[in-house]
N, C-alpha and C. Protein backbone atom coordinates (compact mmCIF):
# COMPACT_ATOMS: atom_id res chain seq x y z
N MET A 1 3.76 168.51 111.22
CA MET A 1 3.33 167.34 110.52
C MET A 1 1.90 167.53 110.00
N GLU A 2 1.09 168.23 110.76
CA GLU A 2 -0.29 168.48 110.33
C GLU A 2 -0.32 169.29 109.04
N PHE A 3 0.59 170.24 108.92
CA PHE A 3 0.63 171.06 107.71
C PHE A 3 0.84 170.19 106.48
N TRP A 4 1.87 169.32 106.51
CA TRP A 4 2.16 168.49 105.34
C TRP A 4 1.06 167.47 105.09
N ALA A 5 0.41 167.00 106.14
CA ALA A 5 -0.70 166.06 105.94
C ALA A 5 -1.81 166.71 105.14
N ASP A 6 -1.99 168.02 105.33
CA ASP A 6 -3.06 168.75 104.64
C ASP A 6 -2.61 169.32 103.30
N ALA A 7 -1.37 169.83 103.24
CA ALA A 7 -0.94 170.60 102.07
C ALA A 7 -0.08 169.83 101.09
N ALA A 8 0.61 168.79 101.52
CA ALA A 8 1.51 168.05 100.62
C ALA A 8 0.72 167.06 99.78
N GLU A 9 1.21 166.83 98.56
CA GLU A 9 0.50 165.97 97.60
C GLU A 9 1.39 164.78 97.24
N ASP A 10 1.58 163.86 98.17
CA ASP A 10 2.42 162.70 97.85
C ASP A 10 2.14 161.56 98.81
N SER A 11 1.29 160.66 98.40
CA SER A 11 0.99 159.50 99.23
C SER A 11 2.07 158.43 99.11
N HIS A 12 3.05 158.61 98.23
CA HIS A 12 4.09 157.61 98.01
C HIS A 12 5.31 157.81 98.90
N ARG A 13 5.41 158.92 99.57
CA ARG A 13 6.59 159.20 100.37
C ARG A 13 6.51 158.47 101.71
N PRO A 14 7.66 158.30 102.35
CA PRO A 14 7.63 157.75 103.71
C PRO A 14 6.88 158.70 104.63
N PRO A 15 6.30 158.18 105.70
CA PRO A 15 5.55 159.06 106.61
C PRO A 15 6.45 160.13 107.21
N ASP A 16 5.88 161.31 107.41
CA ASP A 16 6.60 162.40 108.06
C ASP A 16 6.71 162.11 109.55
N SER A 17 7.74 162.67 110.16
CA SER A 17 7.88 162.55 111.61
C SER A 17 8.58 163.79 112.14
N ALA A 18 8.29 164.11 113.36
CA ALA A 18 8.97 165.24 114.00
C ALA A 18 10.46 164.96 114.09
N ASP A 19 10.85 163.72 114.34
CA ASP A 19 12.28 163.38 114.41
C ASP A 19 12.99 163.67 113.10
N ALA A 20 12.35 163.34 111.97
CA ALA A 20 12.97 163.60 110.67
C ALA A 20 13.18 165.09 110.45
N VAL A 21 12.20 165.90 110.82
CA VAL A 21 12.33 167.35 110.67
C VAL A 21 13.43 167.88 111.58
N LEU A 22 13.49 167.38 112.80
CA LEU A 22 14.55 167.82 113.73
C LEU A 22 15.94 167.42 113.21
N ARG A 23 16.07 166.24 112.59
CA ARG A 23 17.35 165.84 112.02
C ARG A 23 17.74 166.78 110.87
N LEU A 24 16.76 167.13 110.04
CA LEU A 24 17.02 168.06 108.94
C LEU A 24 17.53 169.39 109.49
N ILE A 25 16.84 169.93 110.46
CA ILE A 25 17.21 171.24 111.03
C ILE A 25 18.55 171.16 111.74
N ASP A 26 18.81 170.04 112.41
CA ASP A 26 20.10 169.87 113.10
C ASP A 26 21.24 169.83 112.09
N ARG A 27 21.03 169.16 110.96
CA ARG A 27 22.08 169.04 109.93
C ARG A 27 22.29 170.34 109.18
N ASP A 28 21.19 171.02 108.85
CA ASP A 28 21.28 172.27 108.09
C ASP A 28 20.10 173.16 108.48
N PRO A 29 20.29 174.02 109.45
CA PRO A 29 19.19 174.85 109.96
C PRO A 29 18.52 175.73 108.92
N GLN A 30 19.21 176.01 107.81
CA GLN A 30 18.64 176.87 106.78
C GLN A 30 17.96 176.08 105.67
N ALA A 31 17.93 174.76 105.78
CA ALA A 31 17.38 173.93 104.70
C ALA A 31 15.86 174.02 104.61
N LEU A 32 15.20 174.27 105.70
CA LEU A 32 13.74 174.33 105.71
C LEU A 32 13.30 175.79 105.73
N ILE A 33 12.63 176.19 104.66
CA ILE A 33 12.09 177.55 104.58
C ILE A 33 10.58 177.45 104.75
N LEU A 34 10.06 178.23 105.67
CA LEU A 34 8.63 178.20 105.96
C LEU A 34 7.98 179.55 105.67
N ALA A 35 6.74 179.51 105.24
CA ALA A 35 5.90 180.70 105.17
C ALA A 35 4.93 180.59 106.35
N VAL A 36 4.82 181.65 107.11
CA VAL A 36 4.01 181.62 108.33
C VAL A 36 3.02 182.79 108.29
N ASP A 37 1.79 182.51 108.69
CA ASP A 37 0.74 183.53 108.78
C ASP A 37 0.13 183.45 110.17
N ASN A 38 0.37 184.49 110.99
CA ASN A 38 -0.14 184.50 112.36
C ASN A 38 0.25 183.25 113.13
N ASP A 39 1.55 182.91 113.10
CA ASP A 39 2.11 181.76 113.81
C ASP A 39 1.63 180.41 113.30
N VAL A 40 1.03 180.36 112.11
CA VAL A 40 0.58 179.11 111.51
C VAL A 40 1.38 178.89 110.22
N VAL A 41 1.97 177.71 110.09
CA VAL A 41 2.72 177.39 108.87
C VAL A 41 1.74 177.26 107.71
N VAL A 42 1.99 178.02 106.64
CA VAL A 42 1.12 177.98 105.45
C VAL A 42 1.89 177.61 104.19
N GLY A 43 3.21 177.44 104.30
CA GLY A 43 4.00 177.06 103.15
C GLY A 43 5.35 176.52 103.57
N SER A 44 5.92 175.66 102.72
CA SER A 44 7.25 175.11 103.02
C SER A 44 7.98 174.76 101.74
N ILE A 45 9.29 174.73 101.86
CA ILE A 45 10.16 174.16 100.83
C ILE A 45 11.43 173.74 101.54
N ILE A 46 11.99 172.61 101.11
CA ILE A 46 13.26 172.15 101.64
C ILE A 46 14.31 172.38 100.58
N VAL A 47 15.41 173.03 100.99
CA VAL A 47 16.51 173.40 100.11
C VAL A 47 17.64 172.41 100.35
N GLY A 48 17.81 171.47 99.44
CA GLY A 48 18.86 170.46 99.58
C GLY A 48 20.09 170.83 98.78
N TRP A 49 21.19 171.00 99.47
CA TRP A 49 22.46 171.36 98.83
C TRP A 49 23.52 170.40 99.35
N ASP A 50 24.13 169.65 98.46
CA ASP A 50 25.14 168.68 98.87
C ASP A 50 26.55 169.15 98.53
N GLY A 51 26.68 170.42 98.18
CA GLY A 51 27.98 170.95 97.79
C GLY A 51 28.21 170.88 96.29
N TRP A 52 27.28 170.24 95.59
CA TRP A 52 27.42 170.07 94.15
C TRP A 52 26.11 170.33 93.45
N ARG A 53 25.04 169.74 93.96
CA ARG A 53 23.73 169.85 93.31
C ARG A 53 22.73 170.56 94.21
N CYS A 54 21.75 171.15 93.57
CA CYS A 54 20.69 171.89 94.25
C CYS A 54 19.38 171.13 94.06
N HIS A 55 18.80 170.67 95.15
CA HIS A 55 17.56 169.90 95.09
C HIS A 55 16.47 170.59 95.91
N LEU A 56 15.28 170.62 95.37
CA LEU A 56 14.13 171.20 96.06
C LEU A 56 13.13 170.11 96.40
N TYR A 57 12.68 170.13 97.63
CA TYR A 57 11.73 169.14 98.12
C TYR A 57 10.62 169.82 98.89
N ARG A 58 9.52 169.17 98.96
CA ARG A 58 8.42 169.51 99.86
C ARG A 58 7.88 170.93 99.69
N LEU A 59 7.83 171.39 98.44
CA LEU A 59 7.12 172.65 98.20
C LEU A 59 5.65 172.37 98.45
N ALA A 60 5.10 173.05 99.41
CA ALA A 60 3.68 172.87 99.74
C ALA A 60 3.13 174.19 100.25
N VAL A 61 1.90 174.46 99.88
CA VAL A 61 1.19 175.65 100.36
C VAL A 61 -0.17 175.18 100.84
N ALA A 62 -0.57 175.68 101.99
CA ALA A 62 -1.88 175.32 102.54
C ALA A 62 -2.97 175.64 101.53
N PRO A 63 -3.93 174.75 101.36
CA PRO A 63 -5.01 175.01 100.40
C PRO A 63 -5.67 176.38 100.60
N SER A 64 -5.79 176.81 101.83
CA SER A 64 -6.43 178.10 102.12
C SER A 64 -5.59 179.30 101.70
N HIS A 65 -4.31 179.06 101.38
CA HIS A 65 -3.41 180.17 101.05
C HIS A 65 -2.84 180.07 99.63
N ARG A 66 -3.37 179.19 98.83
CA ARG A 66 -2.86 179.03 97.47
C ARG A 66 -3.29 180.19 96.58
N ARG A 67 -2.52 180.37 95.50
CA ARG A 67 -2.78 181.40 94.50
C ARG A 67 -2.59 182.81 95.06
N GLN A 68 -1.68 182.92 96.04
CA GLN A 68 -1.33 184.21 96.63
C GLN A 68 0.14 184.53 96.45
N GLY A 69 0.87 183.70 95.70
CA GLY A 69 2.29 183.94 95.45
C GLY A 69 3.21 183.34 96.49
N ILE A 70 2.69 182.58 97.43
CA ILE A 70 3.53 182.01 98.49
C ILE A 70 4.50 180.99 97.91
N GLY A 71 4.01 180.09 97.06
CA GLY A 71 4.89 179.10 96.45
C GLY A 71 5.98 179.75 95.63
N ARG A 72 5.62 180.75 94.85
CA ARG A 72 6.59 181.48 94.02
C ARG A 72 7.66 182.12 94.90
N GLU A 73 7.26 182.70 96.03
CA GLU A 73 8.21 183.34 96.94
C GLU A 73 9.12 182.30 97.60
N LEU A 74 8.56 181.16 97.98
CA LEU A 74 9.39 180.09 98.57
C LEU A 74 10.44 179.61 97.58
N VAL A 75 10.04 179.39 96.33
CA VAL A 75 10.99 178.95 95.30
C VAL A 75 12.06 180.02 95.08
N ALA A 76 11.67 181.28 95.02
CA ALA A 76 12.65 182.36 94.83
C ALA A 76 13.65 182.41 95.97
N ARG A 77 13.19 182.23 97.18
CA ARG A 77 14.12 182.24 98.33
C ARG A 77 15.06 181.05 98.29
N ALA A 78 14.53 179.90 97.89
CA ALA A 78 15.38 178.72 97.76
C ALA A 78 16.44 178.94 96.68
N GLU A 79 16.04 179.48 95.55
CA GLU A 79 16.99 179.74 94.46
C GLU A 79 18.04 180.76 94.88
N ALA A 80 17.66 181.75 95.65
CA ALA A 80 18.63 182.73 96.15
C ALA A 80 19.64 182.05 97.06
N ARG A 81 19.18 181.14 97.87
CA ARG A 81 20.10 180.40 98.75
C ARG A 81 21.07 179.58 97.90
N PHE A 82 20.56 178.89 96.87
CA PHE A 82 21.44 178.12 95.99
C PHE A 82 22.48 179.03 95.33
N ALA A 83 22.05 180.18 94.85
CA ALA A 83 22.98 181.11 94.21
C ALA A 83 24.07 181.54 95.19
N SER A 84 23.72 181.74 96.45
CA SER A 84 24.72 182.15 97.44
C SER A 84 25.72 181.03 97.71
N TYR A 85 25.34 179.78 97.47
CA TYR A 85 26.24 178.64 97.64
C TYR A 85 27.11 178.42 96.40
N GLY A 86 26.76 179.05 95.28
CA GLY A 86 27.47 178.82 94.04
C GLY A 86 26.79 177.78 93.16
N GLY A 87 25.56 177.41 93.49
CA GLY A 87 24.82 176.44 92.70
C GLY A 87 24.48 176.99 91.33
N THR A 88 24.44 176.11 90.33
CA THR A 88 24.19 176.56 88.96
C THR A 88 22.94 175.97 88.33
N ARG A 89 22.34 174.96 88.96
CA ARG A 89 21.11 174.37 88.42
C ARG A 89 20.36 173.72 89.56
N ALA A 90 19.06 173.96 89.61
CA ALA A 90 18.23 173.36 90.65
C ALA A 90 17.29 172.35 90.01
N ASP A 91 16.94 171.34 90.78
CA ASP A 91 15.93 170.39 90.33
C ASP A 91 14.89 170.21 91.43
N ALA A 92 13.73 169.80 91.01
CA ALA A 92 12.62 169.56 91.93
C ALA A 92 12.03 168.20 91.64
N MET A 93 11.68 167.48 92.67
CA MET A 93 11.03 166.19 92.51
C MET A 93 9.52 166.44 92.54
N VAL A 94 8.86 166.10 91.42
CA VAL A 94 7.43 166.38 91.26
C VAL A 94 6.75 165.10 90.77
N LEU A 95 5.67 164.72 91.40
CA LEU A 95 4.95 163.53 90.97
C LEU A 95 4.41 163.70 89.56
N ASP A 96 4.48 162.64 88.78
CA ASP A 96 4.01 162.69 87.39
C ASP A 96 2.54 163.08 87.28
N ASP A 97 1.71 162.66 88.22
CA ASP A 97 0.28 162.92 88.11
C ASP A 97 -0.19 164.13 88.90
N ASN A 98 0.73 164.94 89.41
CA ASN A 98 0.36 166.12 90.20
C ASN A 98 0.31 167.34 89.26
N GLU A 99 -0.75 167.41 88.46
CA GLU A 99 -0.90 168.47 87.46
C GLU A 99 -0.83 169.88 88.05
N PRO A 100 -1.47 170.14 89.20
CA PRO A 100 -1.34 171.50 89.76
C PRO A 100 0.12 171.87 90.05
N ALA A 101 0.90 170.91 90.51
CA ALA A 101 2.32 171.18 90.78
C ALA A 101 3.08 171.43 89.48
N HIS A 102 2.71 170.72 88.42
CA HIS A 102 3.38 170.94 87.13
C HIS A 102 3.23 172.40 86.70
N ARG A 103 2.05 172.94 86.88
CA ARG A 103 1.82 174.34 86.50
C ARG A 103 2.67 175.28 87.36
N VAL A 104 2.75 175.00 88.65
CA VAL A 104 3.55 175.85 89.55
C VAL A 104 5.01 175.84 89.12
N TRP A 105 5.56 174.64 88.93
CA TRP A 105 6.97 174.55 88.58
C TRP A 105 7.24 175.13 87.20
N SER A 106 6.36 174.90 86.25
CA SER A 106 6.52 175.46 84.91
C SER A 106 6.53 176.98 84.96
N THR A 107 5.61 177.55 85.71
CA THR A 107 5.55 179.01 85.86
C THR A 107 6.83 179.55 86.48
N ALA A 108 7.46 178.76 87.36
CA ALA A 108 8.71 179.18 87.99
C ALA A 108 9.92 178.98 87.09
N GLY A 109 9.70 178.47 85.86
CA GLY A 109 10.79 178.33 84.91
C GLY A 109 11.40 176.93 84.85
N TYR A 110 10.82 175.97 85.52
CA TYR A 110 11.34 174.60 85.52
C TYR A 110 10.67 173.81 84.40
N ALA A 111 11.36 172.80 83.90
CA ALA A 111 10.82 171.94 82.86
C ALA A 111 11.14 170.49 83.19
N ARG A 112 10.22 169.61 82.83
CA ARG A 112 10.42 168.17 83.06
C ARG A 112 11.63 167.71 82.24
N GLN A 113 12.44 166.87 82.84
CA GLN A 113 13.60 166.32 82.16
C GLN A 113 13.28 164.86 81.84
N PRO A 114 12.80 164.59 80.62
CA PRO A 114 12.25 163.27 80.30
C PRO A 114 13.28 162.14 80.26
N GLU A 115 14.54 162.45 80.11
CA GLU A 115 15.52 161.38 79.98
C GLU A 115 15.98 160.80 81.32
N TRP A 116 15.42 161.30 82.44
CA TRP A 116 15.80 160.81 83.76
C TRP A 116 14.61 160.16 84.45
N SER A 117 14.89 159.15 85.21
CA SER A 117 13.90 158.55 86.10
C SER A 117 14.51 158.46 87.49
N ARG A 118 13.67 158.53 88.47
CA ARG A 118 14.13 158.43 89.84
C ARG A 118 14.11 156.97 90.27
N TRP A 119 15.19 156.52 90.82
CA TRP A 119 15.29 155.16 91.34
C TRP A 119 15.33 155.25 92.85
N VAL A 120 14.59 154.41 93.52
CA VAL A 120 14.52 154.50 94.99
C VAL A 120 14.71 153.11 95.61
N LYS A 121 15.15 153.14 96.86
CA LYS A 121 15.26 151.92 97.65
C LYS A 121 14.95 152.30 99.09
N PRO A 122 13.89 151.77 99.66
CA PRO A 122 13.61 152.05 101.07
C PRO A 122 14.75 151.51 101.95
N LEU A 123 15.11 152.28 102.94
CA LEU A 123 16.17 151.85 103.87
C LEU A 123 15.58 151.44 105.20
């Protein structure tokens, strides 16, 4: 949780919890890909696959480890996992005002899809 508090850029999301991460791992142990440096988490991405669509969440790299290719490697590993499932298109949820993330995703070959908006309802 400390990693995402420092590295993630989204004050609009529900608070992180250890229980939520454990539920994710229990449901799909391969969904969470981590980059680790000397037993310290320095990067993450969540690979969401529902059998039809490929969704990427929580791409984050520790500020101290940015611009070293960690994010690019996490995205590549996620895409390889999608390809192994038979996925044909991936999407990523990126905040409109997170300009540094826009550059990362654009460099990885992703483009904003202007005709869609995300609708949410807290449960």
